[in-house]
Each structure stands twice: as C-alpha cells, then as structure tokens.
Amino acid sequence: MTDWPPLPEDAIEEKFLAATGPGGQNVNKVATAVQIRLDVFALRLHPDVYARLKLLAGSRWTQEGEIVITARSFRTQDANRQDARERLAEMIGRAHIRPARRVKTKPTRAAKERRLTGKSLRSDVKKGRGKIRID
C-alpha cells in the first residue's frame, strides 16, 4: 500500500474508555481502550474516494459524516491508540485504490459452438433418463 499523507490532527478526536478483554484487574482501573472519531469532510476527499470510503466504513460511518473506530485489543493506551490509527489509515488508503475496470469481452464463434454442442449432448443424456415404455 502507498503511504498517504498523514491524517490532519484537527480532524481526529480521541477518547479513552474502560476496556473489556485482557488486562485482569487493570481493565477495571485504567481506561485503556481508545475510540477515534475522524471528521471525513475535513479530509476534502475526491467524490469517488469518499464513496468508496463510505462503503468500506459500513456501520462505523455516522450520520454526522464521521468514522468511529474503537480499539481495545491491547493492555496499554498507546498500543490501542496506534492500532486504531493504523486501521483508520489503512481504510483510507484502501479507499484511494481505484478498482480495476472490467473489460467487456465477446465469446468467439468457436466458443459459442462448443457451448451449444455441450448443451445438446447434456440434453441427450437427460432425455435418456426417462421411464422406459414398451409399446
């Protein structure tokens, strides 16, 4: 993946919460989970990139035009913060990648004939499966 310019700090809002998961009693005392909110409009993205990002974000996209990512996999704030920022950067990077356009192709005459021959052979096999009638 290409390195994109760093995200503007004024578009990111971080909040630390009490986490669940690893950490034992530590999770009850320390707010180690991080929730990052990114104001997408502050990024000034191209409309195509914006549409792809909205699709990639899915349920993490809010009605206010923010992406919310919560990281709580690690025991420390720094590790969770780094994880959330990496996931956010990766999502934005993937949105910048334009999908390859499909080139329409037309089957050749020989390919059409092979397909029709195969269909007629299959049809003959199926016709032969009926009940045998002795007249």
C-alpha atoms as a PDB file:
ATOM      1  CA  MET A   1       0.000   0.000   0.000  1.00  0.00           C
ATOM      2  CA  THR A   2       1.207   3.505  -0.817  1.00  0.00           C
ATOM      3  CA  ASP A   3       1.943   5.864   2.048  1.00  0.00           C
ATOM      4  CA  TRP A   4      -0.686   8.585   2.049  1.00  0.00           C
ATOM      5  CA  PRO A   5      -0.151  11.953   3.709  1.00  0.00           C
ATOM      6  CA  PRO A   6      -0.709  11.855   7.476  1.00  0.00           C
ATOM      7  CA  LEU A   7      -4.218  12.496   8.726  1.00  0.00           C
ATOM      8  CA  PRO A   8      -4.836  16.065   9.933  1.00  0.00           C
ATOM      9  CA  GLU A   9      -4.811  16.110  13.742  1.00  0.00           C
ATOM     10  CA  ASP A  10      -7.641  18.660  13.903  1.00  0.00           C
ATOM     11  CA  ALA A  11      -9.938  16.164  12.116  1.00  0.00           C
ATOM     12  CA  ILE A  12      -9.293  13.424  14.702  1.00  0.00           C
ATOM     13  CA  GLU A  13     -10.882  13.216  18.133  1.00  0.00           C
ATOM     14  CA  GLU A  14      -9.686  10.596  20.609  1.00  0.00           C
ATOM     15  CA  LYS A  15     -11.473   9.348  23.685  1.00  0.00           C
ATOM     16  CA  PHE A  16     -10.230   6.725  26.124  1.00  0.00           C
ATOM     17  CA  LEU A  17     -12.704   4.295  27.664  1.00  0.00           C
ATOM     18  CA  ALA A  18     -12.673   1.435  30.110  1.00  0.00           C
ATOM     19  CA  ALA A  19     -11.962  -1.680  28.087  1.00  0.00           C
ATOM     20  CA  THR A  20     -13.045  -5.277  28.254  1.00  0.00           C
ATOM     21  CA  GLY A  21     -10.701  -8.141  27.497  1.00  0.00           C
ATOM     22  CA  PRO A  22      -7.086  -8.767  28.510  1.00  0.00           C
ATOM     23  CA  GLY A  23      -5.635  -6.938  31.471  1.00  0.00           C
ATOM     24  CA  GLY A  24      -7.080  -8.587  34.571  1.00  0.00           C
ATOM     25  CA  GLN A  25      -7.926  -6.095  37.334  1.00  0.00           C
ATOM     26  CA  ASN A  26      -6.130  -3.453  35.298  1.00  0.00           C
ATOM     27  CA  VAL A  27      -9.143  -3.065  32.990  1.00  0.00           C
ATOM     28  CA  ASN A  28     -11.294  -2.041  35.946  1.00  0.00           C
ATOM     29  CA  LYS A  29      -8.915   0.744  36.953  1.00  0.00           C
ATOM     30  CA  VAL A  30      -7.478   2.160  33.742  1.00  0.00           C
ATOM     31  CA  ALA A  31      -9.170   3.461  30.591  1.00  0.00           C
ATOM     32  CA  THR A  32      -7.084   1.601  28.018  1.00  0.00           C
ATOM     33  CA  ALA A  33      -9.498   1.318  25.088  1.00  0.00           C
ATOM     34  CA  VAL A  34      -9.450   4.138  22.579  1.00  0.00           C
ATOM     35  CA  GLN A  35     -12.231   5.440  20.377  1.00  0.00           C
ATOM     36  CA  ILE A  36     -11.154   7.560  17.426  1.00  0.00           C
ATOM     37  CA  ARG A  37     -13.570   9.784  15.515  1.00  0.00           C
ATOM     38  CA  LEU A  38     -12.452  11.146  12.158  1.00  0.00           C
ATOM     39  CA  ASP A  39     -14.318  14.015  10.513  1.00  0.00           C
ATOM     40  CA  VAL A  40     -14.309  12.833   6.895  1.00  0.00           C
ATOM     41  CA  PHE A  41     -15.313  16.227   5.490  1.00  0.00           C
ATOM     42  CA  ALA A  42     -12.081  17.731   6.857  1.00  0.00           C
ATOM     43  CA  LEU A  43     -10.107  15.385   4.579  1.00  0.00           C
ATOM     44  CA  ARG A  44     -11.590  17.008   1.446  1.00  0.00           C
ATOM     45  CA  LEU A  45     -11.632  13.745  -0.487  1.00  0.00           C
ATOM     46  CA  HIS A  46     -12.454  13.276  -4.160  1.00  0.00           C
ATOM     47  CA  PRO A  47     -16.120  12.180  -4.545  1.00  0.00           C
ATOM     48  CA  ASP A  48     -15.097   8.719  -5.818  1.00  0.00           C
ATOM     49  CA  VAL A  49     -12.758   8.157  -2.866  1.00  0.00           C
ATOM     50  CA  TYR A  50     -15.447   9.471  -0.491  1.00  0.00           C
ATOM     51  CA  ALA A  51     -17.988   6.969  -1.858  1.00  0.00           C
ATOM     52  CA  ARG A  52     -15.538   4.054  -1.570  1.00  0.00           C
ATOM     53  CA  LEU A  53     -14.609   5.101   1.975  1.00  0.00           C
ATOM     54  CA  LYS A  54     -18.256   5.250   2.989  1.00  0.00           C
ATOM     55  CA  LEU A  55     -18.742   1.747   1.632  1.00  0.00           C
ATOM     56  CA  LEU A  56     -15.626   0.412   3.395  1.00  0.00           C
ATOM     57  CA  ALA A  57     -16.544   2.041   6.716  1.00  0.00           C
ATOM     58  CA  GLY A  58     -20.011   0.463   6.754  1.00  0.00           C
ATOM     59  CA  SER A  59     -21.557   0.652  10.229  1.00  0.00           C
ATOM     60  CA  ARG A  60     -18.579   2.651  11.530  1.00  0.00           C
ATOM     61  CA  TRP A  61     -19.842   5.633   9.487  1.00  0.00           C
ATOM     62  CA  THR A  62     -22.086   8.015  11.464  1.00  0.00           C
ATOM     63  CA  GLN A  63     -24.807  10.299  10.153  1.00  0.00           C
ATOM     64  CA  GLU A  64     -22.608  13.288  11.009  1.00  0.00           C
ATOM     65  CA  GLY A  65     -20.036  12.114   8.463  1.00  0.00           C
ATOM     66  CA  GLU A  66     -17.576  10.679  10.970  1.00  0.00           C
ATOM     67  CA  ILE A  67     -15.822   7.337  11.078  1.00  0.00           C
ATOM     68  CA  VAL A  68     -15.678   5.795  14.556  1.00  0.00           C
ATOM     69  CA  ILE A  69     -13.042   3.157  15.274  1.00  0.00           C
ATOM     70  CA  THR A  70     -12.676   1.514  18.668  1.00  0.00           C
ATOM     71  CA  ALA A  71      -9.513  -0.390  19.597  1.00  0.00           C
ATOM     72  CA  ARG A  72      -9.337  -2.484  22.750  1.00  0.00           C
ATOM     73  CA  SER A  73      -7.114  -5.422  21.800  1.00  0.00           C
ATOM     74  CA  PHE A  74      -4.089  -4.398  23.841  1.00  0.00           C
ATOM     75  CA  ARG A  75      -3.357  -3.695  27.504  1.00  0.00           C
ATOM     76  CA  THR A  76      -1.960  -0.186  27.007  1.00  0.00           C
ATOM     77  CA  GLN A  77      -3.434   3.047  25.736  1.00  0.00           C
ATOM     78  CA  ASP A  78      -0.527   3.650  23.383  1.00  0.00           C
ATOM     79  CA  ALA A  79      -0.818   0.247  21.729  1.00  0.00           C
ATOM     80  CA  ASN A  80      -4.593   0.625  21.292  1.00  0.00           C
ATOM     81  CA  ARG A  81      -4.159   4.182  20.010  1.00  0.00           C
ATOM     82  CA  GLN A  82      -1.570   3.028  17.477  1.00  0.00           C
ATOM     83  CA  ASP A  83      -3.782   0.122  16.409  1.00  0.00           C
ATOM     84  CA  ALA A  84      -6.806   2.396  15.852  1.00  0.00           C
ATOM     85  CA  ARG A  85      -4.772   4.929  13.856  1.00  0.00           C
ATOM     86  CA  GLU A  86      -3.250   2.187  11.695  1.00  0.00           C
ATOM     87  CA  ARG A  87      -6.671   0.694  10.973  1.00  0.00           C
ATOM     88  CA  LEU A  88      -8.032   4.119  10.085  1.00  0.00           C
ATOM     89  CA  ALA A  89      -5.085   4.916   7.804  1.00  0.00           C
ATOM     90  CA  GLU A  90      -5.382   1.517   6.114  1.00  0.00           C
ATOM     91  CA  MET A  91      -9.106   2.049   5.498  1.00  0.00           C
ATOM     92  CA  ILE A  92      -8.471   5.456   3.926  1.00  0.00           C
ATOM     93  CA  GLY A  93      -5.614   4.023   1.870  1.00  0.00           C
ATOM     94  CA  ARG A  94      -7.851   1.237   0.540  1.00  0.00           C
ATOM     95  CA  ALA A  95     -10.476   3.846  -0.405  1.00  0.00           C
ATOM     96  CA  HIS A  96      -7.885   5.615  -2.579  1.00  0.00           C
ATOM     97  CA  ILE A  97      -7.301   2.463  -4.645  1.00  0.00           C
ATOM     98  CA  ARG A  98      -9.482   2.590  -7.731  1.00  0.00           C
ATOM     99  CA  PRO A  99     -10.947  -0.821  -8.631  1.00  0.00           C
ATOM    100  CA  ALA A 100      -9.883  -2.236 -11.989  1.00  0.00           C
ATOM    101  CA  ARG A 101     -12.447  -1.685 -14.715  1.00  0.00           C
ATOM    102  CA  ARG A 102     -13.888  -4.788 -16.264  1.00  0.00           C
ATOM    103  CA  VAL A 103     -13.241  -5.019 -19.983  1.00  0.00           C
ATOM    104  CA  LYS A 104     -16.207  -6.489 -21.802  1.00  0.00           C
ATOM    105  CA  THR A 105     -15.321  -9.445 -23.997  1.00  0.00           C
ATOM    106  CA  LYS A 106     -17.293 -11.278 -26.648  1.00  0.00           C
ATOM    107  CA  PRO A 107     -17.146 -15.068 -26.989  1.00  0.00           C
ATOM    108  CA  THR A 108     -15.721 -16.345 -30.269  1.00  0.00           C
ATOM    109  CA  ARG A 109     -17.845 -18.264 -32.756  1.00  0.00           C
ATOM    110  CA  ALA A 110     -15.991 -21.486 -31.905  1.00  0.00           C
ATOM    111  CA  ALA A 111     -16.673 -20.957 -28.187  1.00  0.00           C
ATOM    112  CA  LYS A 112     -20.392 -20.490 -28.885  1.00  0.00           C
ATOM    113  CA  GLU A 113     -20.437 -23.692 -30.956  1.00  0.00           C
ATOM    114  CA  ARG A 114     -18.635 -25.658 -28.207  1.00  0.00           C
ATOM    115  CA  ARG A 115     -21.159 -24.388 -25.657  1.00  0.00           C
ATOM    116  CA  LEU A 116     -24.146 -25.365 -27.823  1.00  0.00           C
ATOM    117  CA  THR A 117     -22.641 -28.777 -28.619  1.00  0.00           C
ATOM    118  CA  GLY A 118     -22.127 -29.402 -24.923  1.00  0.00           C
ATOM    119  CA  LYS A 119     -25.705 -28.390 -24.190  1.00  0.00           C
ATOM    120  CA  SER A 120     -27.128 -30.728 -26.809  1.00  0.00           C
ATOM    121  CA  LEU A 121     -25.001 -33.644 -25.522  1.00  0.00           C
ATOM    122  CA  ARG A 122     -26.222 -32.981 -21.993  1.00  0.00           C
ATOM    123  CA  SER A 123     -29.794 -32.772 -23.260  1.00  0.00           C
ATOM    124  CA  ASP A 124     -29.453 -36.194 -24.911  1.00  0.00           C
ATOM    125  CA  VAL A 125     -28.132 -37.688 -21.654  1.00  0.00           C
ATOM    126  CA  LYS A 126     -31.095 -36.297 -19.731  1.00  0.00           C
ATOM    127  CA  LYS A 127     -33.618 -37.460 -22.331  1.00  0.00           C
ATOM    128  CA  GLY A 128     -32.334 -40.989 -21.895  1.00  0.00           C
ATOM    129  CA  ARG A 129     -33.175 -40.985 -18.179  1.00  0.00           C
ATOM    130  CA  GLY A 130     -36.951 -41.240 -18.579  1.00  0.00           C
ATOM    131  CA  LYS A 131     -39.094 -44.272 -17.905  1.00  0.00           C
ATOM    132  CA  ILE A 132     -38.750 -46.990 -20.493  1.00  0.00           C
ATOM    133  CA  ARG A 133     -42.029 -47.739 -22.187  1.00  0.00           C
ATOM    134  CA  ILE A 134     -42.572 -50.947 -24.113  1.00  0.00           C
ATOM    135  CA  ASP A 135     -45.251 -50.425 -26.739  1.00  0.00           C
END
